[in-house]
Protein backbone atom coordinates (compact mmCIF):
# COMPACT_ATOMS: atom_id res chain seq x y z
CA LEU A 1 32.18 21.83 -10.50
CA LEU A 2 32.33 19.80 -7.11
CA SER A 3 34.04 20.35 -3.91
CA VAL A 4 35.60 17.36 -1.68
CA GLU A 5 33.13 18.61 1.02
CA THR A 6 30.17 18.41 -1.29
CA LEU A 7 31.29 14.93 -2.59
CA SER A 8 31.76 13.56 1.10
CA GLU A 9 27.93 14.18 1.41
CA THR A 10 27.12 11.45 -1.04
CA PRO A 11 26.85 8.29 0.69
CA ALA A 12 27.41 6.34 -2.53
CA ILE A 13 30.73 7.52 -2.90
CA SER A 14 33.71 5.05 -1.38
CA SER A 15 36.57 6.34 0.73
CA VAL A 16 38.97 5.15 -2.25
CA THR A 17 37.05 7.06 -4.61
CA MET A 18 36.99 10.09 -2.32
CA ALA A 19 40.94 9.69 -1.71
CA ALA A 20 41.16 10.02 -5.50
CA LEU A 21 39.03 12.76 -6.16
CA SER A 22 40.69 14.97 -3.08
CA LEU A 23 43.99 14.25 -4.85
CA PHE A 24 42.63 15.26 -8.21
CA ILE A 25 40.62 18.38 -7.16
CA ASN A 26 44.00 19.54 -4.80
CA ALA A 27 46.42 18.73 -7.79
CA ALA A 28 44.07 20.71 -10.36
CA THR A 29 43.96 23.69 -7.64
CA LEU A 30 47.68 23.64 -7.58
CA ALA A 31 48.23 23.46 -11.16
CA ARG A 32 45.97 26.70 -11.93
CA PRO A 33 48.34 29.10 -11.54
CA ALA A 34 50.35 26.99 -13.87
CA ARG A 35 48.00 27.35 -16.52
CA GLN A 36 47.09 30.65 -15.76
CA ASN A 37 50.91 31.55 -16.47
CA ALA A 38 51.17 29.61 -19.57
CA ARG A 39 48.47 32.01 -21.47
CA SER A 40 50.25 34.06 -23.97
CA THR A 41 50.21 38.12 -24.42
CA THR A 42 47.42 37.74 -26.84
CA GLY A 43 45.35 35.94 -24.52
CA LYS A 44 45.15 32.51 -25.89
CA ILE A 45 45.93 29.31 -24.36
CA ALA A 46 49.15 27.51 -24.62
CA HIS A 47 49.19 24.12 -26.04
CA ALA A 48 48.57 21.55 -23.24
CA ALA A 49 51.91 20.01 -23.67
CA CYS A 50 53.63 23.41 -23.09
CA VAL A 51 52.18 24.00 -19.81
CA PRO A 52 55.00 21.91 -17.78
CA LYS A 53 57.47 23.63 -19.72
CA CYS A 54 56.21 27.00 -19.28
CA SER A 55 55.87 26.59 -15.57
CA SER A 56 58.53 27.12 -13.13
CA GLY A 57 59.31 25.92 -9.57
CA LYS A 58 58.68 22.38 -7.92
CA SER A 59 55.10 23.20 -6.86
CA GLU A 60 54.06 23.26 -10.42
CA GLY A 61 56.22 19.95 -11.22
CA LEU A 62 54.43 18.23 -8.29
CA SER A 63 50.95 19.45 -9.36
CA ARG A 64 51.45 17.34 -12.47
CA ARG A 65 52.65 14.63 -11.06
CA SER A 66 49.84 14.82 -8.58
CA ALA A 67 47.45 15.35 -11.14
CA LEU A 68 48.47 12.24 -12.92
CA ALA A 69 48.18 9.97 -10.10
CA GLY A 70 44.81 11.48 -9.38
CA VAL A 71 43.86 10.87 -12.73
CA ALA A 72 45.08 7.14 -12.44
CA MET A 73 43.21 6.61 -9.24
CA LEU A 74 39.97 8.28 -10.86
CA THR A 75 40.30 5.77 -13.74
CA VAL A 76 40.28 2.61 -11.14
CA ALA A 77 37.57 4.34 -9.11
CA ALA A 78 35.28 5.42 -11.92
CA PRO A 79 32.74 2.71 -11.96
CA LEU A 80 32.18 3.71 -8.48
CA LEU A 81 30.89 7.13 -9.19
CA SER A 82 28.41 5.93 -11.90
CA VAL A 83 24.79 6.13 -10.73
CA ALA A 84 23.96 2.95 -9.31
CA SER A 85 20.68 1.02 -9.94
CA PRO A 86 17.94 1.63 -7.26
CA PRO A 87 18.35 -0.86 -4.34
CA ALA A 88 16.42 -4.11 -4.22
CA PRO A 89 13.49 -3.68 -1.52
CA ALA A 90 14.45 -4.95 1.82
CA THR A 91 13.47 -8.19 2.76
CA ALA A 92 12.11 -7.01 6.04
CA LEU A 93 11.16 -3.72 7.92
CA PRO A 94 12.60 -4.64 11.38
CA LEU A 95 10.87 -3.71 14.65
CA GLY A 96 8.00 -2.32 12.16
CA LYS A 97 9.84 0.27 11.01
CA LYS A 98 10.63 1.55 7.12
CA GLY A 99 13.33 4.30 7.53
CA GLY A 100 12.00 6.58 10.10
CA LEU A 101 8.44 4.87 9.99
CA ASP A 102 7.45 3.05 12.81
CA TYR A 103 4.22 1.08 11.74
CA ALA A 104 3.50 0.17 15.43
CA ALA A 105 3.06 3.56 16.31
CA VAL A 106 0.84 4.21 13.44
CA ALA A 107 -1.21 1.01 14.33
CA LYS A 108 -1.36 2.63 17.90
CA ASP A 109 -2.86 5.78 16.25
CA ILE A 110 -5.31 3.92 14.25
CA SER A 111 -6.41 1.95 17.58
CA ALA A 112 -7.01 5.19 19.31
CA LEU A 113 -9.88 5.97 16.86
CA MET A 114 -11.33 2.43 17.52
CA ASP A 115 -11.03 2.96 21.38
CA ALA A 116 -12.78 6.52 21.11
CA ASP A 117 -15.42 5.08 18.83
CA PRO A 118 -15.79 1.06 18.23
CA ASP A 119 -18.10 1.57 15.10
CA LYS A 120 -15.52 2.90 13.38
CA GLY A 121 -13.44 -0.50 13.37
CA PRO A 122 -16.05 -2.23 10.63
CA THR A 123 -15.58 0.75 8.61
CA LEU A 124 -12.12 0.83 8.56
CA VAL A 125 -12.05 -2.66 7.58
CA ARG A 126 -14.43 -1.59 4.39
CA LEU A 127 -12.07 1.19 3.37
CA ALA A 128 -9.05 -1.18 3.25
CA TRP A 129 -11.11 -3.74 1.31
CA HIS A 130 -12.80 -1.22 -1.14
CA SER A 131 -9.60 0.54 -1.83
CA SER A 132 -7.98 -2.86 -2.77
CA GLY A 133 -11.03 -4.55 -4.46
CA THR A 134 -11.07 -2.62 -7.98
CA TYR A 135 -8.12 -4.68 -9.12
CA ASP A 136 -8.47 -6.22 -12.34
CA LYS A 137 -5.82 -8.91 -13.11
CA MET A 138 -6.02 -8.90 -16.94
CA SER A 139 -5.46 -4.97 -17.27
CA LYS A 140 -3.19 -5.15 -14.00
CA THR A 141 -5.00 -1.90 -12.87
CA GLY A 142 -6.92 -1.05 -9.72
CA GLY A 143 -6.13 -2.36 -6.30
CA SER A 144 -4.45 -1.03 -3.30
CA GLY A 145 -1.07 -0.18 -4.56
CA GLU A 146 -1.96 3.85 -5.05
CA GLY A 147 -4.17 4.99 -2.57
CA THR A 148 -6.69 6.14 -4.97
CA ILE A 149 -9.40 6.14 -3.10
CA ARG A 150 -8.89 9.47 -1.29
CA PHE A 151 -9.86 10.89 -4.65
CA LYS A 152 -13.18 12.50 -5.07
CA GLU A 153 -13.81 10.58 -8.20
CA GLU A 154 -13.33 7.38 -6.29
CA LEU A 155 -15.19 8.01 -3.46
CA ALA A 156 -18.02 9.26 -5.68
CA HIS A 157 -18.60 5.44 -6.74
CA GLY A 158 -21.76 3.87 -5.46
CA GLY A 159 -20.07 1.19 -3.32
CA ASN A 160 -18.25 3.86 -1.76
CA ALA A 161 -20.82 5.70 -0.48
CA GLY A 162 -19.82 7.13 3.36
CA LEU A 163 -16.19 6.22 2.90
CA ASN A 164 -15.47 9.92 2.87
CA ASN A 165 -15.67 9.58 6.80
CA ALA A 166 -13.01 7.11 6.93
CA VAL A 167 -10.67 9.01 4.91
CA ASP A 168 -11.44 12.07 6.92
CA TRP A 169 -10.51 10.19 10.03
CA MET A 170 -7.28 9.02 8.64
CA GLU A 171 -5.94 12.23 7.57
CA PRO A 172 -4.44 13.47 11.08
CA ILE A 173 -2.60 10.31 11.10
CA HIS A 174 -1.32 10.70 7.70
CA ALA A 175 -0.20 14.20 8.34
CA LYS A 176 1.45 13.14 11.70
CA TYR A 177 3.56 10.67 9.84
CA ALA A 178 3.93 12.39 6.25
CA SER A 179 7.42 13.28 6.78
CA ASP A 180 8.43 9.66 7.52
CA ASP A 181 7.02 8.99 3.84
CA LEU A 182 3.80 7.20 5.15
CA SER A 183 1.82 6.89 2.06
CA TYR A 184 -2.33 7.21 2.16
CA ALA A 185 -2.41 3.41 0.46
CA ASP A 186 -0.06 1.69 3.15
CA LEU A 187 -2.40 3.69 5.86
CA TYR A 188 -5.71 2.60 4.43
CA THR A 189 -4.58 -1.13 4.24
CA LEU A 190 -2.96 -1.37 7.67
CA GLY A 191 -6.07 0.27 9.10
CA GLY A 192 -8.14 -2.86 7.94
CA ALA A 193 -5.26 -5.08 9.44
CA VAL A 194 -5.50 -3.47 12.73
CA ALA A 195 -9.05 -3.04 13.03
CA ILE A 196 -9.40 -6.85 12.22
CA LYS A 197 -6.93 -7.76 14.91
CA ASN A 198 -8.47 -5.36 17.53
CA MET A 199 -12.01 -6.68 16.83
CA GLY A 200 -10.69 -10.20 17.86
CA GLY A 201 -10.16 -11.54 14.11
CA PRO A 202 -6.69 -12.93 13.21
CA GLU A 203 -3.36 -11.09 12.77
CA ILE A 204 -3.02 -10.15 9.09
CA GLN A 205 0.47 -9.94 7.80
CA PHE A 206 1.04 -6.60 6.56
CA ARG A 207 3.81 -5.52 4.07
CA ALA A 208 4.40 -2.01 3.16
CA GLY A 209 5.95 0.18 0.19
CA ARG A 210 2.98 1.00 -1.49
CA VAL A 211 3.72 4.40 -3.29
CA ASP A 212 0.63 6.95 -3.82
CA ALA A 213 -0.77 8.17 -7.24
CA MET A 214 -0.69 11.77 -7.48
CA ASP A 215 -3.68 12.46 -10.00
CA PRO A 216 -7.38 10.87 -10.21
CA VAL A 217 -6.36 9.50 -13.63
CA LYS A 218 -5.42 6.37 -11.97
CA VAL A 219 -8.97 5.94 -10.34
CA THR A 220 -10.55 2.74 -12.13
CA PRO A 221 -14.08 2.84 -13.60
CA ASP A 222 -16.99 2.58 -11.14
CA GLY A 223 -18.68 -0.81 -10.97
CA ARG A 224 -15.71 -3.01 -10.00
CA LEU A 225 -17.04 -3.52 -6.40
CA PRO A 226 -19.69 -6.49 -5.55
CA SER A 227 -23.26 -5.16 -5.68
CA ALA A 228 -25.86 -6.48 -2.97
CA ASP A 229 -28.38 -7.88 -5.47
CA SER A 230 -27.93 -8.59 -9.11
CA GLY A 231 -30.38 -9.66 -11.77
CA PRO A 232 -34.05 -10.14 -10.72
CA LYS A 233 -35.13 -9.13 -7.10
CA GLY A 234 -34.28 -11.31 -4.40
CA VAL A 235 -31.34 -14.02 -4.42
CA ASP A 236 -31.19 -16.34 -7.45
CA LYS A 237 -28.55 -17.95 -9.69
CA SER A 238 -27.54 -14.55 -11.03
CA ASP A 239 -26.10 -13.44 -7.66
CA ALA A 240 -23.64 -16.28 -7.41
CA ASP A 241 -22.55 -15.55 -11.11
CA HIS A 242 -22.06 -11.87 -9.98
CA ILE A 243 -19.82 -12.74 -7.04
CA ARG A 244 -17.81 -15.16 -9.10
CA ASP A 245 -17.20 -12.16 -11.79
CA ILE A 246 -16.12 -9.89 -9.32
CA PHE A 247 -13.81 -12.23 -7.50
CA TYR A 248 -12.54 -13.82 -10.33
CA ARG A 249 -11.58 -10.80 -11.90
CA MET A 250 -9.36 -10.25 -8.69
CA GLY A 251 -7.79 -13.81 -8.96
CA PHE A 252 -9.59 -15.22 -6.34
CA ASP A 253 -11.09 -18.75 -6.03
CA ASP A 254 -14.72 -20.11 -4.54
CA LYS A 255 -12.93 -20.76 -1.30
CA GLU A 256 -11.22 -17.22 -0.96
CA ILE A 257 -14.85 -15.76 -1.72
CA VAL A 258 -16.75 -17.35 1.13
CA ALA A 259 -13.65 -16.82 3.32
CA LEU A 260 -13.81 -12.80 2.55
CA SER A 261 -17.44 -12.81 2.66
CA GLY A 262 -16.99 -13.66 6.50
CA ALA A 263 -16.19 -9.96 7.14
CA HIS A 264 -19.97 -9.36 7.22
CA ALA A 265 -19.87 -10.53 10.80
CA LEU A 266 -18.89 -6.85 11.29
CA GLY A 267 -20.66 -3.48 10.82
CA ARG A 268 -24.12 -2.56 9.57
CA CYS A 269 -25.98 -1.10 6.28
CA HIS A 270 -27.22 2.23 6.45
CA ALA A 271 -30.21 3.66 4.53
CA GLU A 272 -28.48 6.90 3.89
CA TYR A 273 -25.72 5.32 1.85
CA SER A 274 -26.54 1.96 0.20
CA GLY A 275 -30.58 1.80 0.77
CA TYR A 276 -29.97 -1.43 2.95
CA VAL A 277 -30.26 -1.45 6.97
CA GLY A 278 -29.18 -3.33 9.54
CA PRO A 279 -26.31 -5.60 10.92
CA TRP A 280 -25.49 -9.03 9.46
CA THR A 281 -24.89 -10.42 13.32
CA GLY A 282 -25.71 -9.18 16.92
CA THR A 283 -22.01 -8.46 17.41
CA PRO A 284 -21.01 -5.99 14.66
CA THR A 285 -17.89 -5.12 16.34
CA THR A 286 -16.59 -8.47 17.15
CA PHE A 287 -14.82 -10.65 14.55
CA SER A 288 -16.27 -14.04 14.47
CA ASN A 289 -17.61 -16.89 12.37
CA ALA A 290 -21.07 -15.85 13.42
CA TYR A 291 -21.85 -14.83 10.04
CA TYR A 292 -21.65 -18.43 8.50
CA GLN A 293 -23.79 -20.04 11.54
CA LEU A 294 -26.39 -17.50 10.89
CA LEU A 295 -26.75 -17.95 7.30
CA LEU A 296 -27.15 -21.72 8.22
CA LYS A 297 -29.35 -21.49 11.08
CA ALA A 298 -31.60 -18.76 10.90
CA GLN A 299 -34.78 -18.55 9.02
CA TRP A 300 -34.30 -15.62 6.52
CA THR A 301 -37.65 -13.96 4.80
CA TYR A 302 -38.07 -11.02 2.54
CA ASP A 303 -38.32 -7.73 4.71
CA ASP A 304 -40.84 -5.51 3.22
CA ARG A 305 -39.97 -2.24 5.79
CA HIS A 306 -37.09 -0.93 3.26
CA PRO A 307 -37.32 -0.06 -0.19
CA ASN A 308 -34.25 -2.39 -1.37
CA TYR A 309 -34.95 -6.24 -1.37
CA GLN A 310 -33.06 -7.57 1.74
CA TYR A 311 -34.09 -10.38 4.34
CA LYS A 312 -34.85 -10.46 7.98
CA ASP A 313 -34.46 -12.89 10.47
CA ALA A 314 -37.33 -14.00 12.92
CA SER A 315 -36.46 -11.46 15.49
CA GLY A 316 -36.34 -8.72 12.60
CA THR A 317 -33.28 -7.36 14.03
CA LEU A 318 -30.60 -8.97 11.63
CA MET A 319 -30.56 -8.74 7.93
CA MET A 320 -28.90 -10.49 5.01
CA LEU A 321 -28.33 -9.39 1.26
CA PRO A 322 -29.38 -11.50 -1.70
CA THR A 323 -25.77 -11.76 -2.42
CA ASP A 324 -24.93 -13.21 1.17
CA LEU A 325 -27.76 -15.97 0.83
CA ALA A 326 -26.26 -16.67 -2.83
CA LEU A 327 -23.31 -18.27 -0.57
CA VAL A 328 -25.64 -20.98 0.74
CA LYS A 329 -27.96 -21.59 -2.26
CA ASP A 330 -24.88 -22.29 -4.65
CA GLU A 331 -23.41 -25.97 -4.34
CA ALA A 332 -20.00 -24.74 -4.79
CA PHE A 333 -19.96 -22.28 -2.16
CA LEU A 334 -22.09 -23.80 0.40
CA PRO A 335 -19.50 -26.57 1.84
CA TYR A 336 -17.26 -23.66 2.77
CA VAL A 337 -19.90 -21.91 4.60
CA GLN A 338 -20.78 -25.17 6.58
CA LYS A 339 -16.97 -25.48 7.10
CA TYR A 340 -16.41 -22.05 8.57
CA ALA A 341 -19.73 -22.31 10.77
CA LYS A 342 -17.89 -25.24 12.46
CA ASN A 343 -14.37 -24.58 12.42
CA LYS A 344 -13.55 -20.65 13.74
CA SER A 345 -9.75 -21.60 13.62
CA GLU A 346 -9.87 -22.69 9.86
CA PHE A 347 -11.84 -19.78 8.96
CA TYR A 348 -9.38 -17.52 10.67
CA ALA A 349 -6.61 -18.93 9.09
CA ASP A 350 -8.06 -18.73 5.46
CA PHE A 351 -9.31 -15.11 5.89
CA ALA A 352 -6.09 -14.05 7.14
CA ALA A 353 -4.39 -15.16 3.99
CA ALA A 354 -7.26 -14.20 1.60
CA PHE A 355 -7.25 -10.77 3.20
CA GLN A 356 -3.57 -10.32 2.98
CA LYS A 357 -3.81 -11.12 -0.83
CA LEU A 358 -6.74 -8.68 -1.29
CA GLU A 359 -4.65 -5.84 0.36
CA GLU A 360 -1.74 -6.57 -1.90
CA LEU A 361 -3.56 -6.55 -5.00
CA GLY A 362 -2.00 -4.10 -7.70
CA THR A 363 0.90 -3.90 -5.40
CA SER A 364 5.21 -4.42 -5.99
CA GLY A 365 7.89 -4.32 -4.01
CA LEU A 366 6.59 -4.57 -0.57
CA ALA A 367 8.64 -5.63 2.51
CA PRO A 368 6.89 -6.98 5.79
CA ALA A 369 6.46 -4.78 8.58
CA SER A 370 5.41 -5.26 12.00
CA TYR A 371 2.54 -3.49 13.59
CA SER A 372 2.05 -5.01 16.86
């Protein structure tokens, strides 16, 4: 069934095994005429023990000895022919490569999106965040591991309004590297890391190896992402409780919750997507600790210009959501807000660790991949 040429194309077969197979196959080829001569006139095959006796000539005797030698060598080499277990994931992907995939090249293409339109940066962070933030540590479902946010069923979730645009932006990049096995799940999470760094934030350690789901059956139920307001309108204890319910479900603590909330230094709310309007800071395409400083220093009052309950600063140009102000109203959250408002370096370090953890929820077998 196999030829030496065919087997030689199989990298798992060693040179010793190849020698044995070559000897055995060649011997079997030489022995074929002997077996054919051993057939009786009635078409029945002679008993195997009679084949050497019924054969004539030195080539047949050599064939038998060669075949026996090949069998002996195959006995030794047989364990090498068994199907090996899948190799353990690599401990590192040097030079940003996984096989033929260069993550630095992928990152460069993501950066080009932001160079053409800086406002895409915050949305790429949101895409990475929402693709990861569906994780449930009890059921072990959700998370970034399978790239399910590209399915229309997940994009239809209330918290994902408008992210279909970001998915569309990333499609040409995925198509470019699909032959190198770039998964959507790795692309979306890498996009978040690249965007944060390009906007002045910390470098997020990135590990690759996520494998896409091929069926939307893996999409988790709606409602796993945090809401802007919970319970009565405006900030109250229910908002802090809601935040904890969402983040504790994923395995985060209070410090990580406040650190991740610092991503609201980026971007803005859009009436057509969420019903809320405006940016959190005056520099929505620059990563900084300004979010915490504004939470503490600005005077936030109810903004009656919009249908959803939100807050405005004295200038009326910036906004905060009820769940934002819950961070300064809650006694356990407040110390972290104060710390990050004063210490940008500490915020960056804690955010980088928490964001990497977020992006790896629901994954396994990942390996470090450099993208810078």
